[in-house]
Amino acid sequence: MKLADSARLPKDADGPVFDEPWEAQAFALAVQLNEAGVFGWSEWAETLGAELKAHPLRPYYESWLAALERLVEAKGVISEAERLARVDAWDRAAKATPHGQPIELSRG
């Protein structure tokens, strides 16, 4: 099965659709990590499927991101501590950024 055939993937006639820029970025990151050989599509599908099954009411791309986080940690691309520190840094920067301005990590 191809990714575009997934029943829960938000899509239109042209392919995947995204409500927020971060969704497209997470999508692209998964594609790039696959192309770099970090994980295969069958491993990705299994991990994403487990996230979707465990959290059926969670928005699709939040499950996508959770699957991505699980795989990069499992593959040693980033540790859980590094990921959590990055999430915290982005959260602080977002809170310090005036509405309508780009978020910059230096603001956190």
N, C-alpha and C. Protein backbone atom coordinates (compact mmCIF):
# COMPACT_ATOMS: atom_id res chain seq x y z
N MET A 1 0.84 -1.18 0.00
CA MET A 1 0.00 0.00 0.00
C MET A 1 0.88 1.24 0.00
N LYS A 2 0.52 2.20 -0.82
CA LYS A 2 1.24 3.46 -0.87
C LYS A 2 0.71 4.38 0.23
N LEU A 3 1.57 5.30 0.66
CA LEU A 3 1.19 6.26 1.70
C LEU A 3 -0.08 7.01 1.33
N ALA A 4 -0.20 7.43 0.09
CA ALA A 4 -1.36 8.21 -0.35
C ALA A 4 -2.66 7.41 -0.28
N ASP A 5 -2.58 6.09 -0.15
CA ASP A 5 -3.77 5.25 -0.07
C ASP A 5 -4.31 5.12 1.35
N SER A 6 -3.60 5.66 2.33
CA SER A 6 -4.04 5.55 3.72
C SER A 6 -5.41 6.21 3.90
N ALA A 7 -6.33 5.49 4.53
CA ALA A 7 -7.69 6.00 4.70
C ALA A 7 -7.76 7.22 5.60
N ARG A 8 -6.87 7.34 6.59
CA ARG A 8 -6.95 8.45 7.53
C ARG A 8 -6.11 9.65 7.13
N LEU A 9 -5.27 9.50 6.12
CA LEU A 9 -4.44 10.61 5.66
C LEU A 9 -5.31 11.71 5.09
N PRO A 10 -5.25 12.93 5.66
CA PRO A 10 -6.03 14.04 5.09
C PRO A 10 -5.53 14.34 3.67
N LYS A 11 -6.42 14.24 2.69
CA LYS A 11 -6.00 14.42 1.31
C LYS A 11 -7.16 14.89 0.46
N ASP A 12 -6.81 15.42 -0.70
CA ASP A 12 -7.79 15.75 -1.72
C ASP A 12 -7.35 15.04 -3.00
N ALA A 13 -7.92 15.41 -4.13
CA ALA A 13 -7.60 14.74 -5.39
C ALA A 13 -6.13 14.88 -5.78
N ASP A 14 -5.46 15.92 -5.27
CA ASP A 14 -4.06 16.15 -5.62
C ASP A 14 -3.07 15.49 -4.66
N GLY A 15 -3.56 14.96 -3.53
CA GLY A 15 -2.67 14.32 -2.57
C GLY A 15 -2.89 14.84 -1.17
N PRO A 16 -1.89 14.67 -0.31
CA PRO A 16 -2.03 15.09 1.10
C PRO A 16 -2.33 16.59 1.23
N VAL A 17 -3.13 16.92 2.24
CA VAL A 17 -3.41 18.33 2.55
C VAL A 17 -3.04 18.58 4.01
N PHE A 18 -2.68 19.82 4.28
CA PHE A 18 -2.19 20.19 5.61
C PHE A 18 -2.92 21.44 6.09
N ASP A 19 -3.36 21.41 7.36
CA ASP A 19 -4.02 22.57 7.94
C ASP A 19 -3.03 23.59 8.49
N GLU A 20 -1.85 23.12 8.86
CA GLU A 20 -0.83 23.98 9.47
C GLU A 20 0.52 23.69 8.83
N PRO A 21 1.41 24.68 8.78
CA PRO A 21 2.74 24.46 8.21
C PRO A 21 3.51 23.32 8.89
N TRP A 22 3.36 23.17 10.21
CA TRP A 22 4.12 22.12 10.90
C TRP A 22 3.72 20.73 10.41
N GLU A 23 2.48 20.57 9.96
CA GLU A 23 2.05 19.27 9.45
C GLU A 23 2.82 18.91 8.18
N ALA A 24 2.95 19.86 7.29
CA ALA A 24 3.70 19.64 6.06
C ALA A 24 5.18 19.39 6.37
N GLN A 25 5.71 20.10 7.35
CA GLN A 25 7.11 19.92 7.72
C GLN A 25 7.35 18.53 8.31
N ALA A 26 6.44 18.07 9.17
CA ALA A 26 6.56 16.73 9.74
C ALA A 26 6.45 15.66 8.66
N PHE A 27 5.53 15.88 7.72
CA PHE A 27 5.37 14.97 6.59
C PHE A 27 6.68 14.89 5.80
N ALA A 28 7.22 16.05 5.46
CA ALA A 28 8.45 16.10 4.66
C ALA A 28 9.63 15.49 5.41
N LEU A 29 9.69 15.70 6.71
CA LEU A 29 10.78 15.15 7.50
C LEU A 29 10.74 13.62 7.48
N ALA A 30 9.55 13.04 7.60
CA ALA A 30 9.43 11.59 7.54
C ALA A 30 9.89 11.07 6.18
N VAL A 31 9.51 11.75 5.11
CA VAL A 31 9.94 11.35 3.77
C VAL A 31 11.46 11.43 3.65
N GLN A 32 12.05 12.52 4.14
CA GLN A 32 13.51 12.69 4.06
C GLN A 32 14.25 11.64 4.88
N LEU A 33 13.75 11.34 6.07
CA LEU A 33 14.41 10.33 6.91
C LEU A 33 14.31 8.95 6.27
N ASN A 34 13.20 8.67 5.61
CA ASN A 34 13.08 7.41 4.88
C ASN A 34 14.08 7.38 3.74
N GLU A 35 14.17 8.46 2.97
CA GLU A 35 15.10 8.51 1.84
C GLU A 35 16.55 8.40 2.30
N ALA A 36 16.84 8.88 3.51
CA ALA A 36 18.19 8.80 4.06
C ALA A 36 18.48 7.42 4.66
N GLY A 37 17.48 6.55 4.69
CA GLY A 37 17.69 5.20 5.20
C GLY A 37 17.56 5.06 6.71
N VAL A 38 17.03 6.07 7.38
CA VAL A 38 16.88 5.98 8.83
C VAL A 38 15.85 4.92 9.20
N PHE A 39 14.78 4.82 8.42
CA PHE A 39 13.78 3.77 8.62
C PHE A 39 13.11 3.47 7.28
N GLY A 40 12.56 2.28 7.18
CA GLY A 40 11.85 1.87 5.98
C GLY A 40 10.38 2.18 6.09
N TRP A 41 9.67 2.14 4.94
CA TRP A 41 8.25 2.46 4.96
C TRP A 41 7.44 1.46 5.74
N SER A 42 7.84 0.19 5.74
CA SER A 42 7.07 -0.79 6.51
C SER A 42 7.20 -0.50 8.01
N GLU A 43 8.39 -0.13 8.45
CA GLU A 43 8.59 0.24 9.85
C GLU A 43 7.80 1.51 10.18
N TRP A 44 7.82 2.47 9.26
CA TRP A 44 7.05 3.70 9.45
C TRP A 44 5.56 3.39 9.57
N ALA A 45 5.05 2.58 8.64
CA ALA A 45 3.62 2.24 8.64
C ALA A 45 3.22 1.54 9.94
N GLU A 46 4.07 0.66 10.42
CA GLU A 46 3.78 -0.06 11.67
C GLU A 46 3.74 0.91 12.85
N THR A 47 4.70 1.82 12.91
CA THR A 47 4.78 2.77 14.02
C THR A 47 3.62 3.76 13.97
N LEU A 48 3.34 4.30 12.79
CA LEU A 48 2.22 5.22 12.64
C LEU A 48 0.90 4.50 12.94
N GLY A 49 0.75 3.29 12.45
CA GLY A 49 -0.46 2.53 12.72
C GLY A 49 -0.68 2.30 14.20
N ALA A 50 0.39 2.03 14.93
CA ALA A 50 0.28 1.83 16.37
C ALA A 50 -0.15 3.11 17.07
N GLU A 51 0.38 4.25 16.62
CA GLU A 51 -0.02 5.53 17.20
C GLU A 51 -1.49 5.84 16.91
N LEU A 52 -1.92 5.60 15.68
CA LEU A 52 -3.31 5.86 15.31
C LEU A 52 -4.26 4.96 16.09
N LYS A 53 -3.87 3.71 16.27
CA LYS A 53 -4.71 2.77 17.01
C LYS A 53 -4.78 3.13 18.49
N ALA A 54 -3.65 3.53 19.06
CA ALA A 54 -3.59 3.85 20.49
C ALA A 54 -4.33 5.14 20.82
N HIS A 55 -4.42 6.04 19.85
CA HIS A 55 -5.04 7.36 20.08
C HIS A 55 -6.00 7.69 18.93
N PRO A 56 -7.12 6.97 18.83
CA PRO A 56 -8.00 7.13 17.67
C PRO A 56 -8.64 8.51 17.54
N LEU A 57 -8.73 9.26 18.62
CA LEU A 57 -9.36 10.59 18.56
C LEU A 57 -8.35 11.72 18.35
N ARG A 58 -7.08 11.40 18.44
CA ARG A 58 -6.04 12.41 18.26
C ARG A 58 -5.99 12.80 16.78
N PRO A 59 -5.79 14.09 16.48
CA PRO A 59 -5.67 14.50 15.08
C PRO A 59 -4.55 13.72 14.37
N TYR A 60 -4.79 13.44 13.10
CA TYR A 60 -3.90 12.58 12.32
C TYR A 60 -2.44 13.01 12.40
N TYR A 61 -2.16 14.28 12.15
CA TYR A 61 -0.76 14.69 12.10
C TYR A 61 -0.11 14.75 13.48
N GLU A 62 -0.89 14.80 14.54
CA GLU A 62 -0.30 14.66 15.88
C GLU A 62 0.19 13.22 16.07
N SER A 63 -0.55 12.26 15.53
CA SER A 63 -0.09 10.87 15.56
C SER A 63 1.12 10.70 14.66
N TRP A 64 1.12 11.39 13.53
CA TRP A 64 2.26 11.35 12.61
C TRP A 64 3.52 11.83 13.34
N LEU A 65 3.40 12.95 14.04
CA LEU A 65 4.53 13.51 14.77
C LEU A 65 4.98 12.56 15.88
N ALA A 66 4.03 11.98 16.61
CA ALA A 66 4.37 11.04 17.68
C ALA A 66 5.13 9.83 17.11
N ALA A 67 4.69 9.33 15.96
CA ALA A 67 5.39 8.20 15.33
C ALA A 67 6.80 8.62 14.92
N LEU A 68 6.93 9.80 14.37
CA LEU A 68 8.23 10.31 13.97
C LEU A 68 9.16 10.42 15.18
N GLU A 69 8.64 10.96 16.28
CA GLU A 69 9.44 11.09 17.50
C GLU A 69 9.88 9.71 18.01
N ARG A 70 8.97 8.75 18.01
CA ARG A 70 9.31 7.40 18.47
C ARG A 70 10.44 6.80 17.63
N LEU A 71 10.33 6.95 16.32
CA LEU A 71 11.32 6.33 15.45
C LEU A 71 12.69 7.01 15.56
N VAL A 72 12.73 8.33 15.59
CA VAL A 72 14.05 8.98 15.66
C VAL A 72 14.73 8.70 17.00
N GLU A 73 13.94 8.56 18.05
CA GLU A 73 14.54 8.18 19.33
C GLU A 73 15.03 6.74 19.29
N ALA A 74 14.21 5.83 18.75
CA ALA A 74 14.58 4.42 18.67
C ALA A 74 15.82 4.21 17.81
N LYS A 75 15.98 5.03 16.78
CA LYS A 75 17.12 4.90 15.87
C LYS A 75 18.35 5.67 16.35
N GLY A 76 18.23 6.37 17.47
CA GLY A 76 19.37 7.11 18.00
C GLY A 76 19.68 8.40 17.28
N VAL A 77 18.74 8.90 16.49
CA VAL A 77 18.93 10.17 15.80
C VAL A 77 18.93 11.30 16.82
N ILE A 78 18.08 11.18 17.82
CA ILE A 78 17.98 12.15 18.91
C ILE A 78 17.52 11.38 20.15
N SER A 79 18.00 11.78 21.30
CA SER A 79 17.57 11.12 22.54
C SER A 79 16.27 11.75 23.03
N GLU A 80 15.61 11.06 23.93
CA GLU A 80 14.38 11.61 24.51
C GLU A 80 14.67 12.93 25.22
N ALA A 81 15.79 12.98 25.96
CA ALA A 81 16.15 14.21 26.67
C ALA A 81 16.40 15.36 25.70
N GLU A 82 17.08 15.08 24.59
CA GLU A 82 17.32 16.12 23.58
C GLU A 82 16.00 16.59 22.96
N ARG A 83 15.11 15.65 22.66
CA ARG A 83 13.83 16.01 22.07
C ARG A 83 13.01 16.87 23.03
N LEU A 84 12.96 16.46 24.30
CA LEU A 84 12.20 17.23 25.28
C LEU A 84 12.80 18.62 25.50
N ALA A 85 14.11 18.71 25.47
CA ALA A 85 14.76 20.03 25.61
C ALA A 85 14.41 20.91 24.42
N ARG A 86 14.36 20.34 23.23
CA ARG A 86 14.01 21.09 22.02
C ARG A 86 12.56 21.55 22.08
N VAL A 87 11.67 20.67 22.53
CA VAL A 87 10.25 21.04 22.67
C VAL A 87 10.12 22.20 23.66
N ASP A 88 10.83 22.11 24.78
CA ASP A 88 10.77 23.16 25.80
C ASP A 88 11.32 24.48 25.23
N ALA A 89 12.41 24.42 24.49
CA ALA A 89 13.00 25.63 23.92
C ALA A 89 12.02 26.30 22.94
N TRP A 90 11.38 25.50 22.09
CA TRP A 90 10.41 26.06 21.14
C TRP A 90 9.20 26.64 21.87
N ASP A 91 8.77 25.97 22.95
CA ASP A 91 7.63 26.47 23.72
C ASP A 91 7.95 27.83 24.35
N ARG A 92 9.13 27.94 24.95
CA ARG A 92 9.54 29.21 25.55
C ARG A 92 9.65 30.30 24.48
N ALA A 93 10.22 29.96 23.33
CA ALA A 93 10.38 30.94 22.25
C ALA A 93 9.02 31.37 21.71
N ALA A 94 8.09 30.43 21.58
CA ALA A 94 6.75 30.77 21.08
C ALA A 94 6.04 31.72 22.03
N LYS A 95 6.18 31.48 23.33
CA LYS A 95 5.54 32.34 24.33
C LYS A 95 6.16 33.73 24.36
N ALA A 96 7.42 33.84 23.97
CA ALA A 96 8.12 35.13 23.99
C ALA A 96 8.00 35.89 22.66
N THR A 97 7.34 35.29 21.68
CA THR A 97 7.24 35.89 20.35
C THR A 97 5.94 36.68 20.22
N PRO A 98 6.04 37.94 19.81
CA PRO A 98 4.81 38.71 19.57
C PRO A 98 3.95 38.05 18.49
N HIS A 99 2.64 38.16 18.66
CA HIS A 99 1.70 37.57 17.70
C HIS A 99 2.03 38.06 16.29
N GLY A 100 2.04 37.10 15.35
CA GLY A 100 2.25 37.43 13.96
C GLY A 100 3.71 37.47 13.54
N GLN A 101 4.61 37.32 14.50
CA GLN A 101 6.05 37.32 14.18
C GLN A 101 6.56 35.89 14.08
N PRO A 102 7.60 35.66 13.31
CA PRO A 102 8.19 34.31 13.24
C PRO A 102 8.78 33.92 14.60
N ILE A 103 8.65 32.67 14.95
CA ILE A 103 9.23 32.18 16.20
C ILE A 103 10.71 31.93 15.96
N GLU A 104 11.54 32.48 16.85
CA GLU A 104 12.98 32.29 16.77
C GLU A 104 13.44 31.73 18.11
N LEU A 105 14.24 30.66 18.05
CA LEU A 105 14.70 30.03 19.29
C LEU A 105 15.46 30.99 20.18
N SER A 106 16.09 31.99 19.61
CA SER A 106 16.85 32.95 20.42
C SER A 106 15.95 33.76 21.35
N ARG A 107 14.63 33.78 21.08
CA ARG A 107 13.71 34.51 21.94
C ARG A 107 13.40 33.73 23.22
N GLY A 108 13.68 32.44 23.25
CA GLY A 108 13.33 31.63 24.41
C GLY A 108 14.36 31.72 25.47
